[in-house]
Amino acid sequence: MNYETLSYFLAANSGEGFFSLFNTLYNAHEGWKLYIIKGGPGTGKSGMMKKIKLNAIERGFACHCVYCSSDPDSLDAVIIPELKISVCDGTSPHTVDPVYPGVSETIINLGECWDENKLEESKNHIITLTDCNKALHKRSSKYLFAAAKAKTENEKILASCVNQQKIENYALRSIIKNYECTNKAGTAKSIFLNGNTPKGKYIFIDTINALCDKIITVTDEYNHTSSMLIESIGNIATANGADVIMCLDPLRPSSKPLHIIIPDLRTGYFTTDSRINLKPYATKNINASRFIEKDKFNVYKNRLLFNQKAATRFEDEAIDIMKKAKSVHDELEKHYIKAMDFNKLNDISDKMIQKIFSSSQLTKE
């Protein structure tokens, strides 16, 4: 799946803890190369990746931009599919270490660019801020866990209210008219299109618009019936040879996906609700209630609303704590920025860029 220049997350602050998809950044057995950047906060990891991204785009290559869910303005990784090259921030919490050192992975050590004497001068502040940042993220995770638990209870309730056959029939009609059965199954790539971040509930609208001419929203305040439909569409599509992008739920990434994009059809199905309202972008909207047995739903309606309100409050509290953690992280970065030799960093960046693009055609023809 090469597509074009896209933006998304590959990690989430979730109710299951920090959830990473960084293992999908490259495939050593298919000839991919991964550059792993190691360094402290504020040492220029994101800036280096932005330079690589710009160089790739200037040369005509598609570039996937993987952003940080703890700071959506900062890059966690860039992927250049046509060159089979990825570059990532390999530090905690998404720690990445080489599996085939020097063969499929190269470490870029930005520790070479800092003055340890200057860091030593700020030692106590650095330790205090680092510990504070970790404590805030841990506290935020507890609220996300509580939110996920409330949503999981609603999922169990709604499972008894959904007409599964109606969902399967709709999903089948949506795909069969576009694909004939083949002997070759399609592939599924998982990403996070949205996330809980210090900026609130964040979604990459530009990526949706880049990949989809048809944006089909599924209105569902509980995110369960829509996810059942979207999972069914994805399963049927891949079984019929389509490649799909499964967009996981950042609160419960191990559950059913929130959205699906089928690039070949320029079509996507997206869960929409009062928190992430995608209906203004929709070419068509489906109300998830059409798949619900209303008499069964009404029995549990009050309980479902109670859980939903609780989950919303817990998520909002988690986001507020993330904002505090971001402020602490910004203060921590200042100490490392003061200790960095950015001329040396620029030299490392330039050599890295030369190495990446000299290993293949310099400009896409």
Protein backbone atom coordinates (compact mmCIF):
# COMPACT_ATOMS: atom_id res chain seq x y z
CA MET A 1 0.00 0.00 0.00
CA ASN A 2 1.93 3.03 -1.20
CA TYR A 3 -0.87 5.55 -1.82
CA GLU A 4 0.26 9.13 -1.25
CA THR A 5 1.44 11.48 1.48
CA LEU A 6 -0.73 10.65 4.48
CA SER A 7 -0.87 11.41 8.20
CA TYR A 8 -1.94 9.11 11.04
CA PHE A 9 -0.94 7.68 14.42
CA LEU A 10 0.71 4.31 15.02
CA ALA A 11 0.33 4.45 18.80
CA ALA A 12 -2.38 5.40 21.27
CA ASN A 13 -2.83 6.41 24.87
CA SER A 14 -5.54 3.82 25.47
CA GLY A 15 -7.60 2.08 28.10
CA GLU A 16 -5.26 -0.86 27.54
CA GLY A 17 -2.18 1.22 28.36
CA PHE A 18 0.21 2.59 25.76
CA PHE A 19 -0.59 0.65 22.57
CA SER A 20 1.96 0.64 19.77
CA LEU A 21 1.84 -0.49 16.14
CA PHE A 22 5.49 0.41 15.56
CA ASN A 23 6.19 -3.20 14.62
CA THR A 24 4.41 -2.44 11.32
CA LEU A 25 6.88 0.30 10.33
CA TYR A 26 8.99 -2.04 8.19
CA ASN A 27 9.48 -5.64 7.12
CA ALA A 28 13.10 -6.80 7.12
CA HIS A 29 12.20 -9.92 5.11
CA GLU A 30 10.86 -7.77 2.28
CA GLY A 31 14.00 -5.63 2.04
CA TRP A 32 12.92 -2.70 4.20
CA LYS A 33 15.38 -0.52 6.11
CA LEU A 34 14.63 1.18 9.43
CA TYR A 35 16.54 4.12 10.88
CA ILE A 36 16.01 4.32 14.65
CA ILE A 37 16.65 7.72 16.21
CA LYS A 38 17.68 7.69 19.86
CA GLY A 39 17.86 10.84 21.96
CA GLY A 40 16.22 12.78 24.76
CA PRO A 41 13.23 15.13 24.58
CA GLY A 42 13.94 18.28 22.59
CA THR A 43 17.00 16.84 20.87
CA GLY A 44 15.63 17.28 17.35
CA LYS A 45 14.22 13.84 16.52
CA SER A 46 10.97 15.23 15.10
CA GLY A 47 12.80 18.05 13.30
CA MET A 48 15.12 15.53 11.63
CA MET A 49 12.14 13.51 10.41
CA LYS A 50 10.45 16.65 9.08
CA LYS A 51 13.55 17.35 6.96
CA ILE A 52 13.47 13.77 5.62
CA LYS A 53 9.76 14.12 4.85
CA LEU A 54 10.33 17.37 2.92
CA ASN A 55 13.22 15.83 0.97
CA ALA A 56 11.07 12.83 0.03
CA ILE A 57 8.20 15.03 -1.15
CA GLU A 58 10.54 17.32 -3.12
CA ARG A 59 11.86 14.23 -4.93
CA GLY A 60 8.32 13.12 -5.77
CA PHE A 61 7.98 10.25 -3.29
CA ALA A 62 4.87 9.54 -1.22
CA CYS A 63 5.58 9.89 2.47
CA HIS A 64 3.51 8.63 5.38
CA CYS A 65 3.77 10.91 8.42
CA VAL A 66 3.24 9.16 11.74
CA TYR A 67 2.45 11.68 14.47
CA CYS A 68 2.77 11.44 18.24
CA SER A 69 -0.51 10.93 20.11
CA SER A 70 1.02 12.76 23.12
CA ASP A 71 1.86 15.72 20.86
CA PRO A 72 0.09 15.74 17.46
CA ASP A 73 2.43 18.47 16.22
CA SER A 74 5.44 16.17 16.60
CA LEU A 75 6.48 13.33 14.30
CA ASP A 76 7.01 9.82 15.64
CA ALA A 77 8.01 8.32 12.28
CA VAL A 78 8.12 8.82 8.53
CA ILE A 79 7.64 6.05 5.99
CA ILE A 80 8.73 6.20 2.35
CA PRO A 81 6.98 3.13 0.89
CA GLU A 82 8.52 3.30 -2.59
CA LEU A 83 12.03 3.22 -1.13
CA LYS A 84 11.09 0.70 1.57
CA ILE A 85 12.57 3.03 4.18
CA SER A 86 11.19 4.08 7.56
CA VAL A 87 12.64 6.44 10.15
CA CYS A 88 11.32 6.48 13.70
CA ASP A 89 11.74 7.86 17.18
CA GLY A 90 12.94 4.76 19.00
CA THR A 91 12.70 6.14 22.53
CA SER A 92 10.17 5.41 25.28
CA PRO A 93 7.23 4.84 25.37
CA HIS A 94 7.44 3.34 21.85
CA THR A 95 10.91 1.89 22.34
CA VAL A 96 12.33 0.33 19.18
CA ASP A 97 15.55 -1.70 19.13
CA PRO A 98 17.30 -3.42 16.21
CA VAL A 99 16.48 -7.02 15.38
CA TYR A 100 19.06 -7.29 12.59
CA PRO A 101 21.52 -4.53 13.61
CA GLY A 102 23.39 -2.86 10.78
CA VAL A 103 21.57 -4.99 8.21
CA SER A 104 17.94 -3.96 8.40
CA GLU A 105 18.21 -1.31 11.12
CA THR A 106 20.58 1.57 11.79
CA ILE A 107 20.69 3.52 15.06
CA ILE A 108 21.07 7.31 14.88
CA ASN A 109 22.41 8.45 18.25
CA LEU A 110 21.60 12.10 18.96
CA GLY A 111 23.32 11.76 22.32
CA GLU A 112 26.47 12.61 20.38
CA CYS A 113 25.12 16.16 20.01
CA TRP A 114 24.54 17.13 23.63
CA ASP A 115 26.85 18.54 26.27
CA GLU A 116 26.59 16.26 29.28
CA ASN A 117 28.12 18.91 31.52
CA LYS A 118 25.21 21.23 30.74
CA LEU A 119 22.74 18.41 31.38
CA GLU A 120 24.47 17.71 34.69
CA GLU A 121 23.78 21.30 35.73
CA SER A 122 20.06 20.62 35.30
CA LYS A 123 20.19 17.09 36.67
CA ASN A 124 17.71 17.54 39.54
CA HIS A 125 15.20 19.39 37.38
CA ILE A 126 15.45 16.79 34.62
CA ILE A 127 14.85 13.92 37.02
CA THR A 128 11.94 15.71 38.71
CA LEU A 129 10.26 16.66 35.42
CA THR A 130 10.78 13.18 33.94
CA ASP A 131 9.23 11.50 36.98
CA CYS A 132 6.36 14.00 37.01
CA ASN A 133 5.65 13.39 33.33
CA LYS A 134 5.56 9.61 33.86
CA ALA A 135 3.26 9.99 36.88
CA LEU A 136 0.82 12.16 34.92
CA HIS A 137 0.67 9.68 32.04
CA LYS A 138 0.09 6.87 34.51
CA ARG A 139 -2.76 8.82 36.09
CA SER A 140 -4.25 9.60 32.68
CA SER A 141 -4.13 5.90 31.82
CA LYS A 142 -6.27 5.07 34.86
CA TYR A 143 -9.04 7.34 33.60
CA LEU A 144 -8.79 5.86 30.11
CA PHE A 145 -9.01 2.38 31.65
CA ALA A 146 -12.21 3.41 33.45
CA ALA A 147 -13.64 4.88 30.23
CA ALA A 148 -12.81 1.68 28.33
CA LYS A 149 -14.46 -0.42 31.02
CA ALA A 150 -17.71 1.56 30.72
CA LYS A 151 -17.61 1.22 26.93
CA THR A 152 -16.94 -2.52 27.19
CA GLU A 153 -20.02 -2.95 29.38
CA ASN A 154 -22.08 -1.14 26.77
CA GLU A 155 -20.62 -3.39 24.09
CA LYS A 156 -21.80 -6.47 25.99
CA ILE A 157 -25.27 -4.99 26.39
CA LEU A 158 -25.58 -3.93 22.76
CA ALA A 159 -24.39 -7.32 21.50
CA SER A 160 -27.78 -8.70 22.59
CA CYS A 161 -29.65 -5.90 20.80
CA VAL A 162 -27.99 -5.98 17.38
CA ASN A 163 -29.47 -7.81 14.40
CA GLN A 164 -26.28 -9.46 13.16
CA GLN A 165 -27.91 -10.74 9.98
CA LYS A 166 -28.89 -7.22 8.90
CA ILE A 167 -25.29 -6.09 9.40
CA GLU A 168 -23.88 -9.00 7.40
CA ASN A 169 -26.37 -8.46 4.57
CA TYR A 170 -25.53 -4.74 4.33
CA ALA A 171 -21.80 -5.40 4.41
CA LEU A 172 -22.10 -8.08 1.73
CA ARG A 173 -24.12 -5.83 -0.57
CA SER A 174 -21.60 -3.01 -0.12
CA ILE A 175 -18.65 -5.11 -1.27
CA ILE A 176 -19.95 -7.76 -3.68
CA LYS A 177 -21.18 -5.15 -6.16
CA ASN A 178 -17.61 -3.82 -6.43
CA TYR A 179 -15.55 -7.00 -6.22
CA GLU A 180 -15.78 -10.44 -7.73
CA CYS A 181 -14.59 -13.36 -5.60
CA THR A 182 -10.92 -14.12 -6.14
CA ASN A 183 -8.57 -16.82 -4.97
CA LYS A 184 -6.29 -14.18 -3.48
CA ALA A 185 -7.16 -12.47 -0.22
CA GLY A 186 -6.51 -8.78 0.22
CA THR A 187 -4.39 -7.26 2.96
CA ALA A 188 -5.35 -5.22 6.03
CA LYS A 189 -3.15 -2.44 7.41
CA SER A 190 -3.93 -1.12 10.90
CA ILE A 191 -3.50 2.52 11.91
CA PHE A 192 -5.05 5.02 14.31
CA LEU A 193 -6.90 7.73 12.40
CA ASN A 194 -7.88 9.48 15.60
CA GLY A 195 -6.74 9.61 19.21
CA ASN A 196 -7.06 11.11 22.68
CA THR A 197 -4.39 13.80 22.79
CA PRO A 198 -3.44 16.96 24.70
CA LYS A 199 -5.31 18.80 21.92
CA GLY A 200 -8.45 16.82 22.71
CA LYS A 201 -10.06 14.20 20.50
CA TYR A 202 -8.01 14.47 17.34
CA ILE A 203 -8.68 13.08 13.84
CA PHE A 204 -6.78 13.38 10.54
CA ILE A 205 -9.45 14.78 8.24
CA ASP A 206 -6.88 15.42 5.48
CA THR A 207 -6.08 11.71 5.30
CA ILE A 208 -9.77 10.87 4.87
CA ASN A 209 -10.10 13.42 2.08
CA ALA A 210 -6.87 12.23 0.41
CA LEU A 211 -8.03 8.60 0.21
CA CYS A 212 -11.80 8.88 -0.16
CA ASP A 213 -14.16 10.34 -2.73
CA LYS A 214 -17.05 8.57 -1.00
CA ILE A 215 -17.20 9.19 2.75
CA ILE A 216 -19.90 7.05 4.32
CA THR A 217 -20.51 7.91 7.96
CA VAL A 218 -22.24 5.62 10.43
CA THR A 219 -23.89 7.60 13.22
CA ASP A 220 -23.46 5.71 16.47
CA GLU A 221 -23.08 7.35 19.89
CA TYR A 222 -22.04 4.01 21.39
CA ASN A 223 -19.46 3.15 18.67
CA HIS A 224 -20.44 -0.53 18.85
CA THR A 225 -22.96 -1.24 16.09
CA SER A 226 -20.94 0.88 13.65
CA SER A 227 -17.80 -1.07 14.55
CA MET A 228 -19.58 -4.38 13.94
CA LEU A 229 -20.64 -3.16 10.50
CA ILE A 230 -17.18 -1.79 9.69
CA GLU A 231 -15.46 -5.00 10.79
CA SER A 232 -17.84 -7.05 8.62
CA ILE A 233 -17.19 -4.82 5.60
CA GLY A 234 -13.44 -5.20 6.15
CA ASN A 235 -13.59 -8.98 6.45
CA ILE A 236 -15.71 -9.36 3.31
CA ALA A 237 -13.56 -6.88 1.36
CA THR A 238 -10.27 -8.64 2.14
CA ALA A 239 -11.84 -12.03 1.44
CA ASN A 240 -12.69 -10.69 -2.02
CA GLY A 241 -9.18 -9.45 -2.75
CA ALA A 242 -9.38 -5.82 -1.58
CA ASP A 243 -6.63 -4.10 0.40
CA VAL A 244 -8.05 -2.15 3.32
CA ILE A 245 -6.93 0.23 6.05
CA MET A 246 -8.43 -0.67 9.39
CA CYS A 247 -8.56 2.32 11.75
CA LEU A 248 -8.49 1.07 15.31
CA ASP A 249 -10.33 2.50 18.30
CA PRO A 250 -7.71 4.48 20.27
CA LEU A 251 -9.56 3.84 23.54
CA ARG A 252 -9.92 0.08 22.98
CA PRO A 253 -7.47 -0.88 20.22
CA SER A 254 -7.98 -4.62 20.69
CA SER A 255 -11.70 -4.28 19.99
CA LYS A 256 -13.41 -3.77 16.65
CA PRO A 257 -12.18 -0.94 14.35
CA LEU A 258 -13.88 2.47 14.31
CA HIS A 259 -13.31 3.16 10.61
CA ILE A 260 -12.28 1.42 7.42
CA ILE A 261 -10.85 2.80 4.17
CA ILE A 262 -10.82 0.87 0.89
CA PRO A 263 -8.36 2.84 -1.29
CA ASP A 264 -9.14 0.96 -4.53
CA LEU A 265 -12.75 2.11 -4.26
CA ARG A 266 -11.82 5.57 -2.96
CA THR A 267 -14.38 4.79 -0.27
CA GLY A 268 -14.38 4.83 3.51
CA TYR A 269 -16.81 3.98 6.29
CA PHE A 270 -16.43 6.11 9.41
CA THR A 271 -18.00 6.02 12.84
CA THR A 272 -19.36 9.46 13.71
CA ASP A 273 -20.80 10.75 16.96
CA SER A 274 -21.17 13.97 18.95
CA ARG A 275 -17.48 13.85 19.93
CA ILE A 276 -15.99 13.20 16.47
CA ASN A 277 -18.56 14.64 14.07
CA LEU A 278 -17.72 13.60 10.52
CA LYS A 279 -21.21 14.07 9.06
CA PRO A 280 -20.33 17.45 7.48
CA TYR A 281 -17.80 15.58 5.29
CA ALA A 282 -20.13 12.70 4.41
CA THR A 283 -21.47 11.83 0.97
CA LYS A 284 -23.85 9.42 2.70
CA ASN A 285 -24.86 8.77 6.31
CA ILE A 286 -26.14 5.55 7.85
CA ASN A 287 -27.87 5.54 11.23
CA ALA A 288 -26.64 2.57 13.25
CA SER A 289 -30.05 2.29 14.90
CA ARG A 290 -31.34 0.56 11.75
CA PHE A 291 -29.44 -2.55 12.86
CA ILE A 292 -30.78 -2.45 16.45
CA GLU A 293 -33.78 -4.35 17.81
CA LYS A 294 -35.45 -1.36 19.45
CA ASP A 295 -37.57 -3.30 21.94
CA LYS A 296 -34.41 -4.92 23.36
CA PHE A 297 -32.48 -1.65 23.26
CA ASN A 298 -35.16 0.22 25.24
CA VAL A 299 -34.81 -2.21 28.12
CA TYR A 300 -31.17 -1.15 28.61
CA LYS A 301 -31.36 2.45 27.38
CA ASN A 302 -30.86 4.15 30.77
CA ARG A 303 -27.92 1.93 31.65
CA LEU A 304 -26.33 2.56 28.25
CA LEU A 305 -26.69 6.33 28.65
CA PHE A 306 -25.22 6.20 32.17
CA ASN A 307 -22.16 4.26 30.96
CA GLN A 308 -21.72 6.55 27.97
CA LYS A 309 -21.77 9.70 30.11
CA ALA A 310 -19.31 8.11 32.53
CA ALA A 311 -16.96 7.15 29.70
CA THR A 312 -17.10 10.71 28.33
CA ARG A 313 -16.26 12.22 31.74
CA PHE A 314 -13.36 9.80 32.20
CA GLU A 315 -11.97 10.52 28.73
CA ASP A 316 -12.22 14.28 29.30
CA GLU A 317 -10.37 13.97 32.61
CA ALA A 318 -7.65 11.89 30.91
CA ILE A 319 -7.25 14.55 28.21
CA ASP A 320 -6.93 17.30 30.83
CA ILE A 321 -4.13 15.33 32.50
CA MET A 322 -2.43 14.82 29.13
CA LYS A 323 -2.39 18.59 28.71
CA LYS A 324 -0.56 18.91 32.04
CA ALA A 325 1.87 16.17 31.00
CA LYS A 326 2.54 18.03 27.73
CA SER A 327 3.39 21.20 29.68
CA VAL A 328 5.82 19.24 31.86
CA HIS A 329 7.36 17.65 28.77
CA ASP A 330 7.82 21.09 27.19
CA GLU A 331 9.74 22.23 30.29
CA LEU A 332 11.87 19.09 30.11
CA GLU A 333 12.70 19.77 26.46
CA LYS A 334 14.11 23.20 27.34
CA HIS A 335 16.91 21.64 29.39
CA TYR A 336 17.97 19.38 26.51
CA ILE A 337 17.66 22.15 23.91
CA LYS A 338 20.13 24.29 25.92
CA ALA A 339 22.60 21.39 25.92
CA MET A 340 22.37 20.56 22.20
CA ASP A 341 24.87 21.34 19.46
CA PHE A 342 22.42 21.89 16.61
CA ASN A 343 25.16 22.38 14.04
CA LYS A 344 26.30 18.84 14.74
CA LEU A 345 22.69 17.69 14.58
CA ASN A 346 22.29 19.31 11.16
CA ASP A 347 25.42 17.51 9.92
CA ILE A 348 23.99 14.17 11.08
CA SER A 349 20.67 14.99 9.41
CA ASP A 350 22.31 15.94 6.11
CA LYS A 351 24.42 12.76 6.05
CA MET A 352 21.38 10.66 6.85
CA ILE A 353 19.34 12.29 4.07
CA GLN A 354 22.16 11.73 1.61
CA LYS A 355 22.39 8.09 2.62
CA ILE A 356 18.64 7.51 2.33
CA PHE A 357 18.24 9.01 -1.12
CA SER A 358 21.56 7.93 -2.60
CA SER A 359 20.61 4.29 -1.99
CA SER A 360 17.93 4.61 -4.64
CA GLN A 361 16.99 6.89 -7.51
CA LEU A 362 17.41 10.47 -6.33
CA THR A 363 14.20 11.67 -7.93
CA LYS A 364 11.12 9.72 -8.84
CA GLU A 365 10.70 9.63 -12.57
